[in-house]
PDB file of N, CA and C in Angstrom:
ATOM      1  N   MET A   1     113.343  80.476  99.491  1.00  0.00           N
ATOM      2  CA  MET A   1     113.230  81.056 100.800  1.00  0.00           C
ATOM      3  C   MET A   1     111.600  81.187 101.053  1.00  0.00           C
ATOM      4  N   LYS A   2     111.393  80.966 102.239  1.00  0.00           N
ATOM      5  CA  LYS A   2     110.018  81.055 102.701  1.00  0.00           C
ATOM      6  C   LYS A   2     109.717  82.311 103.537  1.00  0.00           C
ATOM      7  N   LYS A   3     108.697  82.948 103.150  1.00  0.00           N
ATOM      8  CA  LYS A   3     108.292  84.300 103.804  1.00  0.00           C
ATOM      9  C   LYS A   3     106.840  84.113 104.207  1.00  0.00           C
ATOM     10  N   ILE A   4     106.572  84.756 105.390  1.00  0.00           N
ATOM     11  CA  ILE A   4     105.207  84.753 105.857  1.00  0.00           C
ATOM     12  C   ILE A   4     105.001  86.417 105.892  1.00  0.00           C
ATOM     13  N   LEU A   5     104.017  86.906 105.183  1.00  0.00           N
ATOM     14  CA  LEU A   5     103.661  88.223 105.140  1.00  0.00           C
ATOM     15  C   LEU A   5     102.495  88.611 106.117  1.00  0.00           C
ATOM     16  N   VAL A   6     102.698  89.391 107.017  1.00  0.00           N
ATOM     17  CA  VAL A   6     101.698  89.688 108.130  1.00  0.00           C
ATOM     18  C   VAL A   6     101.323  91.260 107.997  1.00  0.00           C
ATOM     19  N   PRO A   7     100.092  91.371 107.703  1.00  0.00           N
ATOM     20  CA  PRO A   7      99.616  92.804 107.567  1.00  0.00           C
ATOM     21  C   PRO A   7      99.320  93.284 109.036  1.00  0.00           C
ATOM     22  N   VAL A   8      99.797  94.349 109.387  1.00  0.00           N
ATOM     23  CA  VAL A   8      99.670  94.993 110.732  1.00  0.00           C
ATOM     24  C   VAL A   8      98.969  96.352 110.654  1.00  0.00           C
ATOM     25  N   ASP A   9      98.054  96.683 111.731  1.00  0.00           N
ATOM     26  CA  ASP A   9      97.559  97.955 111.844  1.00  0.00           C
ATOM     27  C   ASP A   9      97.759  98.494 113.314  1.00  0.00           C
ATOM     28  N   PHE A  10      98.658  97.862 114.005  1.00  0.00           N
ATOM     29  CA  PHE A  10      98.993  98.250 115.331  1.00  0.00           C
ATOM     30  C   PHE A  10      97.918  97.966 116.301  1.00  0.00           C
ATOM     31  N   SER A  11      96.924  97.049 116.097  1.00  0.00           N
ATOM     32  CA  SER A  11      95.993  96.635 116.887  1.00  0.00           C
ATOM     33  C   SER A  11      96.328  95.456 117.601  1.00  0.00           C
ATOM     34  N   ALA A  12      95.591  95.096 118.682  1.00  0.00           N
ATOM     35  CA  ALA A  12      95.922  93.903 119.454  1.00  0.00           C
ATOM     36  C   ALA A  12      95.731  92.637 118.617  1.00  0.00           C
ATOM     37  N   THR A  13      94.732  92.529 117.783  1.00  0.00           N
ATOM     38  CA  THR A  13      94.576  91.447 116.864  1.00  0.00           C
ATOM     39  C   THR A  13      95.760  91.292 115.900  1.00  0.00           C
ATOM     40  N   ALA A  14      96.380  92.322 115.327  1.00  0.00           N
ATOM     41  CA  ALA A  14      97.510  92.249 114.500  1.00  0.00           C
ATOM     42  C   ALA A  14      98.776  91.677 115.350  1.00  0.00           C
ATOM     43  N   GLU A  15      98.777  92.155 116.451  1.00  0.00           N
ATOM     44  CA  GLU A  15      99.882  91.801 117.376  1.00  0.00           C
ATOM     45  C   GLU A  15      99.852  90.290 117.558  1.00  0.00           C
ATOM     46  N   ASN A  16      98.678  89.744 117.900  1.00  0.00           N
ATOM     47  CA  ASN A  16      98.392  88.224 117.953  1.00  0.00           C
ATOM     48  C   ASN A  16      98.847  87.598 116.644  1.00  0.00           C
ATOM     49  N   ALA A  17      98.431  88.269 115.607  1.00  0.00           N
ATOM     50  CA  ALA A  17      98.738  87.586 114.224  1.00  0.00           C
ATOM     51  C   ALA A  17     100.180  87.494 114.103  1.00  0.00           C
ATOM     52  N   ALA A  18     100.997  88.538 114.446  1.00  0.00           N
ATOM     53  CA  ALA A  18     102.419  88.683 114.233  1.00  0.00           C
ATOM     54  C   ALA A  18     102.999  87.520 115.202  1.00  0.00           C
ATOM     55  N   ASP A  19     102.552  87.408 116.371  1.00  0.00           N
ATOM     56  CA  ASP A  19     103.088  86.422 117.357  1.00  0.00           C
ATOM     57  C   ASP A  19     102.833  85.088 116.642  1.00  0.00           C
ATOM     58  N   TYR A  20     101.734  84.774 116.257  1.00  0.00           N
ATOM     59  CA  TYR A  20     101.390  83.489 115.644  1.00  0.00           C
ATOM     60  C   TYR A  20     102.301  83.246 114.461  1.00  0.00           C
ATOM     61  N   ALA A  21     102.532  84.309 113.468  1.00  0.00           N
ATOM     62  CA  ALA A  21     103.265  84.037 112.310  1.00  0.00           C
ATOM     63  C   ALA A  21     104.775  83.796 112.744  1.00  0.00           C
ATOM     64  N   THR A  22     105.177  84.508 113.805  1.00  0.00           N
ATOM     65  CA  THR A  22     106.527  84.183 114.309  1.00  0.00           C
ATOM     66  C   THR A  22     106.739  82.899 114.735  1.00  0.00           C
ATOM     67  N   ASP A  23     105.828  82.339 115.564  1.00  0.00           N
ATOM     68  CA  ASP A  23     105.872  80.884 116.049  1.00  0.00           C
ATOM     69  C   ASP A  23     105.901  79.970 114.872  1.00  0.00           C
ATOM     70  N   LEU A  24     104.977  80.253 113.884  1.00  0.00           N
ATOM     71  CA  LEU A  24     104.978  79.231 112.676  1.00  0.00           C
ATOM     72  C   LEU A  24     106.274  79.424 111.835  1.00  0.00           C
ATOM     73  N   ALA A  25     106.754  80.638 111.676  1.00  0.00           N
ATOM     74  CA  ALA A  25     107.968  80.739 110.948  1.00  0.00           C
ATOM     75  C   ALA A  25     109.195  80.007 111.669  1.00  0.00           C
ATOM     76  N   HIS A  26     109.212  79.996 112.911  1.00  0.00           N
ATOM     77  CA  HIS A  26     110.291  79.203 113.628  1.00  0.00           C
ATOM     78  C   HIS A  26     110.173  77.698 113.283  1.00  0.00           C
ATOM     79  N   GLY A  27     108.920  77.224 113.236  1.00  0.00           N
ATOM     80  CA  GLY A  27     108.649  75.818 112.952  1.00  0.00           C
ATOM     81  C   GLY A  27     109.062  75.386 111.541  1.00  0.00           C
ATOM     82  N   ILE A  28     108.843  76.265 110.613  1.00  0.00           N
ATOM     83  CA  ILE A  28     109.071  75.858 109.213  1.00  0.00           C
ATOM     84  C   ILE A  28     110.333  76.568 108.561  1.00  0.00           C
ATOM     85  N   GLY A  29     110.905  77.316 109.443  1.00  0.00           N
ATOM     86  CA  GLY A  29     112.233  77.903 108.834  1.00  0.00           C
ATOM     87  C   GLY A  29     112.037  78.992 107.832  1.00  0.00           C
ATOM     88  N   ALA A  30     110.908  79.852 108.092  1.00  0.00           N
ATOM     89  CA  ALA A  30     110.615  80.958 107.348  1.00  0.00           C
ATOM     90  C   ALA A  30     110.951  82.185 108.058  1.00  0.00           C
ATOM     91  N   ARG A  31     110.852  83.278 107.218  1.00  0.00           N
ATOM     92  CA  ARG A  31     110.977  84.656 107.861  1.00  0.00           C
ATOM     93  C   ARG A  31     109.756  85.340 107.802  1.00  0.00           C
ATOM     94  N   VAL A  32     109.494  86.329 108.748  1.00  0.00           N
ATOM     95  CA  VAL A  32     108.359  86.954 108.780  1.00  0.00           C
ATOM     96  C   VAL A  32     108.498  88.510 108.292  1.00  0.00           C
ATOM     97  N   GLU A  33     107.686  88.892 107.518  1.00  0.00           N
ATOM     98  CA  GLU A  33     107.798  90.382 107.146  1.00  0.00           C
ATOM     99  C   GLU A  33     106.428  91.046 107.386  1.00  0.00           C
ATOM    100  N   LEU A  34     106.496  92.259 108.098  1.00  0.00           N
ATOM    101  CA  LEU A  34     105.386  92.818 108.563  1.00  0.00           C
ATOM    102  C   LEU A  34     104.972  93.968 107.417  1.00  0.00           C
ATOM    103  N   LEU A  35     103.782  94.213 107.204  1.00  0.00           N
ATOM    104  CA  LEU A  35     103.354  95.040 106.048  1.00  0.00           C
ATOM    105  C   LEU A  35     102.226  95.986 106.766  1.00  0.00           C
ATOM    106  N   ASN A  36     102.536  97.265 106.943  1.00  0.00           N
ATOM    107  CA  ASN A  36     101.501  98.194 107.078  1.00  0.00           C
ATOM    108  C   ASN A  36     101.219  99.143 106.093  1.00  0.00           C
ATOM    109  N   VAL A  37      99.989  99.390 105.726  1.00  0.00           N
ATOM    110  CA  VAL A  37      99.552 100.245 104.743  1.00  0.00           C
ATOM    111  C   VAL A  37      98.705 101.324 105.249  1.00  0.00           C
ATOM    112  N   PHE A  38      98.995 102.570 104.861  1.00  0.00           N
ATOM    113  CA  PHE A  38      98.246 103.765 105.388  1.00  0.00           C
ATOM    114  C   PHE A  38      97.390 104.231 104.264  1.00  0.00           C
ATOM    115  N   GLN A  39      96.145 104.471 104.535  1.00  0.00           N
ATOM    116  CA  GLN A  39      95.178 105.021 103.494  1.00  0.00           C
ATOM    117  C   GLN A  39      94.792 106.374 103.923  1.00  0.00           C
ATOM    118  N   PHE A  40      95.030 107.379 103.167  1.00  0.00           N
ATOM    119  CA  PHE A  40      94.527 108.767 103.519  1.00  0.00           C
ATOM    120  C   PHE A  40      93.062 108.821 103.536  1.00  0.00           C
ATOM    121  N   PRO A  41      92.627 109.609 104.473  1.00  0.00           N
ATOM    122  CA  PRO A  41      91.080 109.664 104.553  1.00  0.00           C
ATOM    123  C   PRO A  41      90.600 110.162 103.212  1.00  0.00           C
ATOM    124  N   ASN A  42      89.333 109.745 102.865  1.00  0.00           N
ATOM    125  CA  ASN A  42      88.823 109.965 101.453  1.00  0.00           C
ATOM    126  C   ASN A  42      88.750 111.559 101.122  1.00  0.00           C
ATOM    127  N   PHE A  43      88.448 112.293 102.141  1.00  0.00           N
ATOM    128  CA  PHE A  43      88.196 113.735 101.897  1.00  0.00           C
ATOM    129  C   PHE A  43      89.473 114.359 101.339  1.00  0.00           C
ATOM    130  N   LEU A  44      90.674 113.886 101.636  1.00  0.00           N
ATOM    131  CA  LEU A  44      91.967 114.356 101.221  1.00  0.00           C
ATOM    132  C   LEU A  44      92.139 114.110  99.811  1.00  0.00           C
ATOM    133  N   LEU A  45      91.408 113.235  99.093  1.00  0.00           N
ATOM    134  CA  LEU A  45      91.563 112.678  97.797  1.00  0.00           C
ATOM    135  C   LEU A  45      90.584 113.437  96.955  1.00  0.00           C
ATOM    136  N   LEU A  46      89.703 114.270  97.533  1.00  0.00           N
ATOM    137  CA  LEU A  46      88.662 114.935  96.696  1.00  0.00           C
ATOM    138  C   LEU A  46      89.258 116.134  96.133  1.00  0.00           C
ATOM    139  N   PRO A  47      89.077 116.579  94.787  1.00  0.00           N
ATOM    140  CA  PRO A  47      89.698 117.669  94.292  1.00  0.00           C
ATOM    141  C   PRO A  47      89.142 119.067  94.954  1.00  0.00           C
ATOM    142  N   HIS A  48      87.861 119.128  95.352  1.00  0.00           N
ATOM    143  CA  HIS A  48      87.273 120.327  95.857  1.00  0.00           C
ATOM    144  C   HIS A  48      87.935 120.526  97.337  1.00  0.00           C
ATOM    145  N   PHE A  49      88.464 119.595  98.044  1.00  0.00           N
ATOM    146  CA  PHE A  49      89.028 119.915  99.361  1.00  0.00           C
ATOM    147  C   PHE A  49      90.364 120.605  99.045  1.00  0.00           C
ATOM    148  N   TRP A  50      91.113 120.316  97.978  1.00  0.00           N
ATOM    149  CA  TRP A  50      92.345 121.044  97.795  1.00  0.00           C
ATOM    150  C   TRP A  50      92.267 122.313  96.993  1.00  0.00           C
ATOM    151  N   TYR A  51      91.193 122.393  96.132  1.00  0.00           N
ATOM    152  CA  TYR A  51      91.186 123.524  95.269  1.00  0.00           C
ATOM    153  C   TYR A  51      91.313 124.937  96.083  1.00  0.00           C
ATOM    154  N   GLY A  52      90.483 124.993  96.987  1.00  0.00           N
ATOM    155  CA  GLY A  52      90.454 126.353  97.718  1.00  0.00           C
ATOM    156  C   GLY A  52      91.804 126.577  98.558  1.00  0.00           C
ATOM    157  N   ARG A  53      92.375 125.431  99.012  1.00  0.00           N
ATOM    158  CA  ARG A  53      93.664 125.748  99.747  1.00  0.00           C
ATOM    159  C   ARG A  53      94.769 125.932  98.769  1.00  0.00           C
ATOM    160  N   LEU A  54      94.792 125.506  97.534  1.00  0.00           N
ATOM    161  CA  LEU A  54      95.844 125.862  96.556  1.00  0.00           C
ATOM    162  C   LEU A  54      95.629 127.169  96.052  1.00  0.00           C
ATOM    163  N   MET A  55      94.366 127.632  95.918  1.00  0.00           N
ATOM    164  CA  MET A  55      94.174 128.962  95.420  1.00  0.00           C
ATOM    165  C   MET A  55      94.659 129.990  96.438  1.00  0.00           C
ATOM    166  N   ASN A  56      94.686 129.670  97.768  1.00  0.00           N
ATOM    167  CA  ASN A  56      95.013 130.634  98.821  1.00  0.00           C
ATOM    168  C   ASN A  56      96.688 130.633  98.917  1.00  0.00           C
ATOM    169  N   ILE A  57      97.281 129.788  98.243  1.00  0.00           N
ATOM    170  CA  ILE A  57      98.925 129.851  98.388  1.00  0.00           C
ATOM    171  C   ILE A  57      99.478 131.197  97.922  1.00  0.00           C
ATOM    172  N   GLY A  58     100.240 131.780  98.643  1.00  0.00           N
ATOM    173  CA  GLY A  58     100.756 133.002  98.270  1.00  0.00           C
ATOM    174  C   GLY A  58      99.929 134.253  98.511  1.00  0.00           C
ATOM    175  N   SER A  59      98.779 134.105  98.976  1.00  0.00           N
ATOM    176  CA  SER A  59      97.823 135.163  99.255  1.00  0.00           C
ATOM    177  C   SER A  59      98.378 136.007 100.509  1.00  0.00           C
TER     178      SER A  59
END
């Protein structure tokens, strides 16, 4: 099975890439799979950001 993996971020460029991949897939008998990855903002990953919020639970 042939697959074309297309990363998308909902931008116009990603839409163009998906269109191109679709056309290519039709030509070679492949299927297109779209992949969107979300990254949390860095400040959400820092322990000090959550520490104060967790200490206030139940207060």
